[in-house]
């Protein structure tokens, strides 16, 4: 059994634990970034760990992603960026969430090629974590489960 599968099996034990249904997570690619392999790997890993995952596909607008969060009644949203547009795109999503009055009710996490200084800015903006390429699925699943089980959402 691979380390990936072991991590997923360990994480499955608690995805949605204490709830009648699994946690719902939306994974999105905002802006013109067409590199979606990482987002698809995360989406599949979360599904394998027992989460219900909605993947919006590439080149989404912030308002469409936020509307999907509301329509799908998600607990968390993961944003991915590999094209350098993370600050503009991620902050646009947060602004739209505030406009729709849902900021703070959905846990936010991000990932991709994001410099350490920008990662710090995104954490201050309200993301519970921002993952670099190569982050383990087990870590992401565990962090997400922990965040959601605490009821902790965006920090601002």
N, C-alpha and C. Protein backbone atom coordinates (compact mmCIF):
# COMPACT_ATOMS: atom_id res chain seq x y z
N UNK A 1 0.85 -1.18 0.00
CA UNK A 1 0.00 0.00 0.00
C UNK A 1 0.89 1.24 0.00
N UNK A 2 0.55 2.20 -0.83
CA UNK A 2 1.36 3.41 -0.93
C UNK A 2 1.14 4.30 0.28
N UNK A 3 2.11 5.21 0.51
CA UNK A 3 1.96 6.18 1.60
C UNK A 3 0.73 7.05 1.39
N UNK A 4 0.45 7.38 0.13
CA UNK A 4 -0.73 8.20 -0.18
C UNK A 4 -2.00 7.49 0.29
N UNK A 5 -2.11 6.21 -0.04
CA UNK A 5 -3.31 5.46 0.34
C UNK A 5 -3.40 5.29 1.85
N UNK A 6 -2.28 5.07 2.51
CA UNK A 6 -2.30 4.98 3.97
C UNK A 6 -2.81 6.27 4.59
N UNK A 7 -2.31 7.40 4.07
CA UNK A 7 -2.75 8.70 4.58
C UNK A 7 -4.22 8.93 4.37
N UNK A 8 -4.70 8.53 3.20
CA UNK A 8 -6.12 8.70 2.89
C UNK A 8 -6.97 7.83 3.80
N UNK A 9 -6.55 6.59 4.01
CA UNK A 9 -7.31 5.69 4.89
C UNK A 9 -7.35 6.23 6.31
N UNK A 10 -6.23 6.77 6.79
CA UNK A 10 -6.22 7.34 8.13
C UNK A 10 -7.16 8.53 8.22
N UNK A 11 -7.19 9.33 7.16
CA UNK A 11 -8.04 10.52 7.17
C UNK A 11 -9.51 10.18 7.02
N UNK A 12 -9.82 9.08 6.34
CA UNK A 12 -11.22 8.69 6.11
C UNK A 12 -11.96 8.48 7.42
N UNK A 13 -11.26 8.07 8.41
CA UNK A 13 -11.89 7.75 9.68
C UNK A 13 -12.65 8.94 10.26
N UNK A 14 -12.27 10.17 9.91
CA UNK A 14 -12.93 11.29 10.54
C UNK A 14 -13.54 12.31 9.62
N UNK A 15 -13.49 12.15 8.31
CA UNK A 15 -14.08 13.16 7.43
C UNK A 15 -15.57 13.22 7.70
N UNK A 16 -16.01 14.40 8.11
CA UNK A 16 -17.43 14.57 8.40
C UNK A 16 -17.83 13.96 9.72
N UNK A 17 -16.88 13.57 10.51
CA UNK A 17 -17.18 12.91 11.77
C UNK A 17 -18.06 13.78 12.65
N UNK A 18 -19.04 13.16 13.26
CA UNK A 18 -19.97 13.90 14.10
C UNK A 18 -21.10 14.53 13.30
N UNK A 19 -21.13 14.30 12.03
CA UNK A 19 -22.18 14.86 11.18
C UNK A 19 -22.92 13.72 10.50
N UNK A 20 -24.14 13.99 10.04
CA UNK A 20 -24.90 12.98 9.32
C UNK A 20 -24.41 12.83 7.89
N UNK A 21 -23.72 13.82 7.37
CA UNK A 21 -23.21 13.76 6.02
C UNK A 21 -21.78 14.26 6.01
N UNK A 22 -21.04 13.95 4.95
CA UNK A 22 -19.65 14.38 4.91
C UNK A 22 -19.54 15.90 4.74
N UNK A 23 -18.38 16.40 5.12
CA UNK A 23 -18.09 17.80 4.87
C UNK A 23 -18.10 18.03 3.36
N UNK A 24 -18.61 19.20 2.97
CA UNK A 24 -18.66 19.57 1.55
C UNK A 24 -17.57 20.62 1.29
N UNK A 25 -16.76 20.37 0.26
CA UNK A 25 -15.64 21.25 -0.06
C UNK A 25 -15.70 21.62 -1.54
N UNK A 26 -15.59 22.90 -1.83
CA UNK A 26 -15.51 23.36 -3.20
C UNK A 26 -14.05 23.64 -3.53
N UNK A 27 -13.57 23.12 -4.65
CA UNK A 27 -12.21 23.37 -5.13
C UNK A 27 -12.34 24.16 -6.42
N UNK A 28 -11.62 25.29 -6.49
CA UNK A 28 -11.80 26.20 -7.62
C UNK A 28 -10.48 26.74 -8.16
N UNK A 29 -10.51 27.06 -9.45
CA UNK A 29 -9.42 27.74 -10.15
C UNK A 29 -10.00 29.06 -10.64
N UNK A 30 -9.55 30.17 -10.04
CA UNK A 30 -10.09 31.48 -10.37
C UNK A 30 -9.14 32.20 -11.33
N UNK A 31 -9.70 32.95 -12.25
CA UNK A 31 -8.88 33.71 -13.19
C UNK A 31 -8.50 32.89 -14.41
N UNK A 32 -7.45 33.30 -15.08
CA UNK A 32 -7.07 32.70 -16.35
C UNK A 32 -6.14 31.50 -16.22
N UNK A 33 -5.82 31.11 -15.01
CA UNK A 33 -4.93 29.98 -14.76
C UNK A 33 -5.57 28.69 -15.29
N UNK A 34 -4.93 28.07 -16.26
CA UNK A 34 -5.46 26.83 -16.83
C UNK A 34 -4.77 25.58 -16.34
N UNK A 35 -3.87 25.72 -15.39
CA UNK A 35 -3.13 24.57 -14.86
C UNK A 35 -3.95 23.94 -13.75
N UNK A 36 -4.59 22.81 -14.05
CA UNK A 36 -5.54 22.27 -13.08
C UNK A 36 -5.15 20.91 -12.50
N UNK A 37 -4.00 20.40 -12.84
CA UNK A 37 -3.65 19.06 -12.35
C UNK A 37 -3.64 19.01 -10.82
N UNK A 38 -3.00 20.00 -10.19
CA UNK A 38 -2.92 20.01 -8.72
C UNK A 38 -4.30 20.09 -8.08
N UNK A 39 -5.16 20.95 -8.62
CA UNK A 39 -6.51 21.08 -8.08
C UNK A 39 -7.28 19.77 -8.21
N UNK A 40 -7.09 19.09 -9.34
CA UNK A 40 -7.77 17.81 -9.54
C UNK A 40 -7.23 16.74 -8.59
N UNK A 41 -5.94 16.75 -8.33
CA UNK A 41 -5.35 15.80 -7.38
C UNK A 41 -5.91 16.04 -5.98
N UNK A 42 -5.99 17.31 -5.58
CA UNK A 42 -6.54 17.64 -4.25
C UNK A 42 -8.01 17.24 -4.19
N UNK A 43 -8.77 17.56 -5.23
CA UNK A 43 -10.20 17.20 -5.23
C UNK A 43 -10.37 15.70 -5.10
N UNK A 44 -9.61 14.93 -5.85
CA UNK A 44 -9.74 13.47 -5.78
C UNK A 44 -9.27 12.95 -4.41
N UNK A 45 -8.19 13.51 -3.89
CA UNK A 45 -7.71 13.09 -2.58
C UNK A 45 -8.73 13.35 -1.48
N UNK A 46 -9.39 14.50 -1.56
CA UNK A 46 -10.43 14.81 -0.57
C UNK A 46 -11.62 13.86 -0.72
N UNK A 47 -11.99 13.55 -1.95
CA UNK A 47 -13.07 12.57 -2.18
C UNK A 47 -12.68 11.22 -1.60
N UNK A 48 -11.45 10.80 -1.87
CA UNK A 48 -10.97 9.51 -1.36
C UNK A 48 -10.98 9.47 0.17
N UNK A 49 -10.84 10.65 0.78
CA UNK A 49 -10.82 10.74 2.25
C UNK A 49 -12.22 10.89 2.84
N UNK A 50 -13.25 10.87 2.00
CA UNK A 50 -14.61 10.90 2.51
C UNK A 50 -15.32 12.24 2.44
N UNK A 51 -14.66 13.25 1.90
CA UNK A 51 -15.30 14.55 1.73
C UNK A 51 -16.17 14.52 0.47
N UNK A 52 -17.20 15.33 0.47
CA UNK A 52 -17.96 15.55 -0.75
C UNK A 52 -17.33 16.76 -1.42
N UNK A 53 -16.91 16.61 -2.67
CA UNK A 53 -16.14 17.66 -3.35
C UNK A 53 -16.87 18.14 -4.59
N UNK A 54 -16.90 19.45 -4.73
CA UNK A 54 -17.42 20.10 -5.92
C UNK A 54 -16.23 20.78 -6.57
N UNK A 55 -15.89 20.38 -7.79
CA UNK A 55 -14.78 21.01 -8.52
C UNK A 55 -15.38 21.87 -9.62
N UNK A 56 -15.04 23.16 -9.62
CA UNK A 56 -15.67 24.10 -10.55
C UNK A 56 -15.00 24.14 -11.92
N UNK A 57 -13.82 23.57 -12.04
CA UNK A 57 -13.09 23.67 -13.30
C UNK A 57 -12.25 24.92 -13.35
N UNK A 58 -11.64 25.15 -14.52
CA UNK A 58 -10.70 26.27 -14.67
C UNK A 58 -11.41 27.54 -15.12
N UNK A 59 -10.69 28.63 -14.96
CA UNK A 59 -11.07 29.95 -15.47
C UNK A 59 -12.41 30.44 -14.94
N UNK A 60 -12.58 30.34 -13.65
CA UNK A 60 -13.82 30.78 -13.00
C UNK A 60 -13.71 32.23 -12.54
N UNK A 61 -14.83 32.92 -12.51
CA UNK A 61 -14.89 34.28 -11.97
C UNK A 61 -15.16 34.19 -10.47
N UNK A 62 -14.64 35.14 -9.69
CA UNK A 62 -14.87 35.11 -8.24
C UNK A 62 -16.35 35.02 -7.88
N UNK A 63 -17.21 35.78 -8.55
CA UNK A 63 -18.63 35.76 -8.22
C UNK A 63 -19.27 34.40 -8.51
N UNK A 64 -18.77 33.71 -9.52
CA UNK A 64 -19.30 32.38 -9.83
C UNK A 64 -18.88 31.35 -8.79
N UNK A 65 -17.64 31.47 -8.33
CA UNK A 65 -17.14 30.55 -7.30
C UNK A 65 -17.91 30.77 -6.00
N UNK A 66 -18.11 32.02 -5.63
CA UNK A 66 -18.83 32.32 -4.38
C UNK A 66 -20.29 31.88 -4.50
N UNK A 67 -20.90 32.12 -5.64
CA UNK A 67 -22.28 31.66 -5.84
C UNK A 67 -22.36 30.14 -5.71
N UNK A 68 -21.39 29.44 -6.27
CA UNK A 68 -21.37 27.98 -6.16
C UNK A 68 -21.23 27.54 -4.70
N UNK A 69 -20.45 28.27 -3.92
CA UNK A 69 -20.33 27.95 -2.49
C UNK A 69 -21.68 28.05 -1.80
N UNK A 70 -22.43 29.08 -2.11
CA UNK A 70 -23.75 29.27 -1.51
C UNK A 70 -24.71 28.19 -2.00
N UNK A 71 -24.76 27.99 -3.30
CA UNK A 71 -25.69 27.01 -3.88
C UNK A 71 -25.40 25.59 -3.41
N UNK A 72 -24.13 25.27 -3.23
CA UNK A 72 -23.74 23.92 -2.83
C UNK A 72 -23.66 23.76 -1.32
N UNK A 73 -23.85 24.85 -0.58
CA UNK A 73 -23.83 24.83 0.88
C UNK A 73 -22.56 24.15 1.42
N UNK A 74 -21.41 24.67 0.96
CA UNK A 74 -20.14 24.05 1.33
C UNK A 74 -19.66 24.52 2.70
N UNK A 75 -18.81 23.69 3.29
CA UNK A 75 -18.17 24.00 4.57
C UNK A 75 -16.82 24.66 4.36
N UNK A 76 -16.18 24.37 3.22
CA UNK A 76 -14.84 24.89 2.94
C UNK A 76 -14.67 25.11 1.45
N UNK A 77 -13.71 26.00 1.13
CA UNK A 77 -13.35 26.26 -0.25
C UNK A 77 -11.84 26.27 -0.37
N UNK A 78 -11.34 25.54 -1.37
CA UNK A 78 -9.92 25.54 -1.68
C UNK A 78 -9.68 26.20 -3.01
N UNK A 79 -8.75 27.15 -3.03
CA UNK A 79 -8.41 27.86 -4.26
C UNK A 79 -7.00 27.46 -4.68
N UNK A 80 -6.79 27.30 -5.98
CA UNK A 80 -5.50 26.89 -6.50
C UNK A 80 -5.00 27.90 -7.51
N UNK A 81 -3.69 28.19 -7.45
CA UNK A 81 -3.09 29.11 -8.41
C UNK A 81 -1.67 28.68 -8.73
N UNK A 82 -1.42 28.53 -10.01
CA UNK A 82 -0.08 28.19 -10.47
C UNK A 82 0.46 29.22 -11.46
N UNK A 83 -0.27 30.30 -11.66
CA UNK A 83 0.09 31.24 -12.72
C UNK A 83 0.58 32.59 -12.21
N UNK A 84 0.69 32.77 -10.91
CA UNK A 84 1.15 34.04 -10.38
C UNK A 84 0.04 35.04 -10.10
N UNK A 85 -1.20 34.67 -10.35
CA UNK A 85 -2.32 35.59 -10.13
C UNK A 85 -3.00 35.40 -8.78
N UNK A 86 -2.35 34.70 -7.88
CA UNK A 86 -3.00 34.32 -6.62
C UNK A 86 -3.45 35.51 -5.78
N UNK A 87 -2.65 36.56 -5.66
CA UNK A 87 -3.05 37.67 -4.79
C UNK A 87 -4.29 38.37 -5.35
N UNK A 88 -4.30 38.68 -6.62
CA UNK A 88 -5.47 39.34 -7.21
C UNK A 88 -6.68 38.43 -7.18
N UNK A 89 -6.49 37.17 -7.57
CA UNK A 89 -7.63 36.27 -7.66
C UNK A 89 -8.17 35.86 -6.29
N UNK A 90 -7.29 35.51 -5.37
CA UNK A 90 -7.75 35.07 -4.05
C UNK A 90 -8.39 36.22 -3.29
N UNK A 91 -7.80 37.42 -3.39
CA UNK A 91 -8.41 38.56 -2.69
C UNK A 91 -9.75 38.95 -3.32
N UNK A 92 -9.89 38.75 -4.63
CA UNK A 92 -11.19 39.01 -5.29
C UNK A 92 -12.26 38.06 -4.77
N UNK A 93 -11.89 36.82 -4.52
CA UNK A 93 -12.84 35.86 -3.96
C UNK A 93 -13.25 36.29 -2.56
N UNK A 94 -12.27 36.69 -1.75
CA UNK A 94 -12.59 37.15 -0.39
C UNK A 94 -13.50 38.37 -0.45
N UNK A 95 -13.20 39.32 -1.34
CA UNK A 95 -14.05 40.52 -1.48
C UNK A 95 -15.47 40.13 -1.86
N UNK A 96 -15.61 39.18 -2.77
CA UNK A 96 -16.95 38.73 -3.18
C UNK A 96 -17.67 38.02 -2.04
N UNK A 97 -16.91 37.25 -1.25
CA UNK A 97 -17.51 36.59 -0.08
C UNK A 97 -18.03 37.63 0.91
N UNK A 98 -17.26 38.70 1.11
CA UNK A 98 -17.70 39.77 2.01
C UNK A 98 -18.94 40.46 1.45
N UNK A 99 -18.93 40.71 0.16
CA UNK A 99 -20.08 41.34 -0.50
C UNK A 99 -21.34 40.49 -0.32
N UNK A 100 -21.19 39.19 -0.43
CA UNK A 100 -22.32 38.27 -0.29
C UNK A 100 -22.61 37.90 1.17
N UNK A 101 -21.83 38.47 2.08
CA UNK A 101 -22.00 38.26 3.52
C UNK A 101 -21.84 36.79 3.94
N UNK A 102 -20.91 36.11 3.29
CA UNK A 102 -20.63 34.73 3.69
C UNK A 102 -19.19 34.55 4.18
N UNK A 103 -18.42 35.65 4.15
CA UNK A 103 -17.04 35.55 4.63
C UNK A 103 -17.05 35.21 6.12
N UNK A 104 -16.27 34.22 6.48
CA UNK A 104 -16.23 33.77 7.87
C UNK A 104 -17.10 32.56 8.12
N UNK A 105 -17.98 32.24 7.16
CA UNK A 105 -18.84 31.06 7.34
C UNK A 105 -18.32 29.85 6.57
N UNK A 106 -17.31 30.05 5.76
CA UNK A 106 -16.71 28.98 4.96
C UNK A 106 -15.21 29.01 5.19
N UNK A 107 -14.65 27.89 5.58
CA UNK A 107 -13.20 27.81 5.79
C UNK A 107 -12.49 27.90 4.45
N UNK A 108 -11.44 28.72 4.39
CA UNK A 108 -10.69 28.94 3.15
C UNK A 108 -9.29 28.35 3.24
N UNK A 109 -8.89 27.67 2.18
CA UNK A 109 -7.49 27.26 2.06
C UNK A 109 -7.07 27.44 0.62
N UNK A 110 -5.77 27.55 0.42
CA UNK A 110 -5.26 27.76 -0.92
C UNK A 110 -4.03 26.91 -1.17
N UNK A 111 -3.61 26.91 -2.40
CA UNK A 111 -2.42 26.17 -2.75
C UNK A 111 -1.91 26.57 -4.11
N UNK A 112 -0.65 26.22 -4.35
CA UNK A 112 -0.04 26.48 -5.62
C UNK A 112 1.34 27.08 -5.45
N UNK A 113 1.81 27.72 -6.50
CA UNK A 113 3.12 28.36 -6.49
C UNK A 113 2.93 29.75 -5.91
N UNK A 114 3.10 29.85 -4.60
CA UNK A 114 2.82 31.08 -3.88
C UNK A 114 4.02 31.41 -3.00
N UNK A 115 4.67 32.55 -3.23
CA UNK A 115 5.84 32.91 -2.44
C UNK A 115 5.51 33.04 -0.95
N UNK A 116 6.50 32.79 -0.09
CA UNK A 116 6.28 32.84 1.37
C UNK A 116 5.67 34.16 1.86
N UNK A 117 6.10 35.30 1.32
CA UNK A 117 5.52 36.57 1.76
C UNK A 117 4.04 36.68 1.40
N UNK A 118 3.68 36.18 0.22
CA UNK A 118 2.27 36.19 -0.18
C UNK A 118 1.46 35.21 0.65
N UNK A 119 2.06 34.09 1.00
CA UNK A 119 1.40 33.11 1.87
C UNK A 119 1.01 33.77 3.19
N UNK A 120 1.95 34.52 3.76
CA UNK A 120 1.67 35.22 5.03
C UNK A 120 0.51 36.20 4.87
N UNK A 121 0.49 36.92 3.75
CA UNK A 121 -0.60 37.88 3.50
C UNK A 121 -1.95 37.16 3.39
N UNK A 122 -1.95 36.02 2.72
CA UNK A 122 -3.20 35.27 2.57
C UNK A 122 -3.68 34.69 3.90
N UNK A 123 -2.75 34.26 4.74
CA UNK A 123 -3.14 33.78 6.06
C UNK A 123 -3.76 34.91 6.87
N UNK A 124 -3.19 36.10 6.79
CA UNK A 124 -3.76 37.27 7.49
C UNK A 124 -5.12 37.65 6.92
N UNK A 125 -5.30 37.38 5.63
CA UNK A 125 -6.57 37.70 4.97
C UNK A 125 -7.70 36.77 5.41
N UNK A 126 -7.33 35.59 5.95
CA UNK A 126 -8.37 34.69 6.45
C UNK A 126 -8.27 33.26 5.99
N UNK A 127 -7.26 32.92 5.20
CA UNK A 127 -7.06 31.52 4.80
C UNK A 127 -6.49 30.76 5.99
N UNK A 128 -7.02 29.56 6.27
CA UNK A 128 -6.48 28.81 7.40
C UNK A 128 -5.15 28.17 7.06
N UNK A 129 -4.89 27.95 5.75
CA UNK A 129 -3.59 27.45 5.32
C UNK A 129 -3.43 27.69 3.82
N UNK A 130 -2.18 27.81 3.40
CA UNK A 130 -1.84 27.93 1.99
C UNK A 130 -0.70 26.94 1.75
N UNK A 131 -0.96 25.96 0.89
CA UNK A 131 -0.04 24.84 0.69
C UNK A 131 0.83 25.04 -0.55
N UNK A 132 2.07 24.61 -0.44
CA UNK A 132 3.00 24.65 -1.56
C UNK A 132 2.86 23.37 -2.38
N UNK A 133 3.33 23.40 -3.63
CA UNK A 133 3.33 22.18 -4.44
C UNK A 133 4.08 21.06 -3.67
N UNK A 134 3.53 19.88 -3.75
CA UNK A 134 4.15 18.75 -3.06
C UNK A 134 3.65 18.53 -1.65
N UNK A 135 2.76 19.39 -1.16
CA UNK A 135 2.19 19.17 0.18
C UNK A 135 1.49 17.82 0.19
N UNK A 136 1.59 17.12 1.30
CA UNK A 136 0.99 15.78 1.35
C UNK A 136 -0.53 15.87 1.48
N UNK A 137 -1.19 14.97 0.79
CA UNK A 137 -2.65 14.90 0.90
C UNK A 137 -3.06 14.62 2.34
N UNK A 138 -2.29 13.80 3.03
CA UNK A 138 -2.62 13.48 4.42
C UNK A 138 -2.63 14.75 5.27
N UNK A 139 -1.64 15.61 5.06
CA UNK A 139 -1.58 16.87 5.81
C UNK A 139 -2.78 17.75 5.48
N UNK A 140 -3.10 17.88 4.21
CA UNK A 140 -4.23 18.72 3.81
C UNK A 140 -5.53 18.18 4.39
N UNK A 141 -5.74 16.89 4.28
CA UNK A 141 -6.96 16.26 4.81
C UNK A 141 -7.04 16.45 6.32
N UNK A 142 -5.95 16.21 7.00
CA UNK A 142 -5.94 16.35 8.46
C UNK A 142 -6.20 17.79 8.87
N UNK A 143 -5.53 18.73 8.21
CA UNK A 143 -5.73 20.16 8.53
C UNK A 143 -7.19 20.56 8.29
N UNK A 144 -7.75 20.12 7.19
CA UNK A 144 -9.12 20.48 6.86
C UNK A 144 -10.10 19.89 7.87
N UNK A 145 -9.91 18.62 8.19
CA UNK A 145 -10.77 17.98 9.19
C UNK A 145 -10.68 18.70 10.53
N UNK A 146 -9.46 19.03 10.93
CA UNK A 146 -9.26 19.71 12.22
C UNK A 146 -9.94 21.07 12.21
N UNK A 147 -9.74 21.82 11.14
CA UNK A 147 -10.35 23.15 11.03
C UNK A 147 -11.87 23.06 11.08
N UNK A 148 -12.44 22.15 10.31
CA UNK A 148 -13.89 22.04 10.26
C UNK A 148 -14.47 21.47 11.55
N UNK A 149 -13.77 20.54 12.19
CA UNK A 149 -14.30 19.97 13.43
C UNK A 149 -14.29 20.99 14.56
N UNK A 150 -13.41 21.94 14.49
CA UNK A 150 -13.37 23.03 15.49
C UNK A 150 -14.40 24.09 15.21
N UNK A 151 -14.98 24.02 14.02
CA UNK A 151 -15.92 25.07 13.63
C UNK A 151 -15.21 26.36 13.25
N UNK A 152 -13.89 26.28 13.12
CA UNK A 152 -13.11 27.46 12.78
C UNK A 152 -13.26 27.75 11.30
N UNK A 153 -13.59 28.96 10.99
CA UNK A 153 -13.72 29.39 9.60
C UNK A 153 -12.67 30.45 9.33
N UNK A 154 -12.91 31.30 8.36
CA UNK A 154 -11.99 32.37 8.06
C UNK A 154 -11.82 33.24 9.29
N UNK A 155 -10.62 33.75 9.47
CA UNK A 155 -10.30 34.45 10.72
C UNK A 155 -10.68 35.91 10.73
N UNK A 156 -11.10 36.49 9.62
CA UNK A 156 -11.46 37.92 9.61
C UNK A 156 -12.94 38.07 9.38
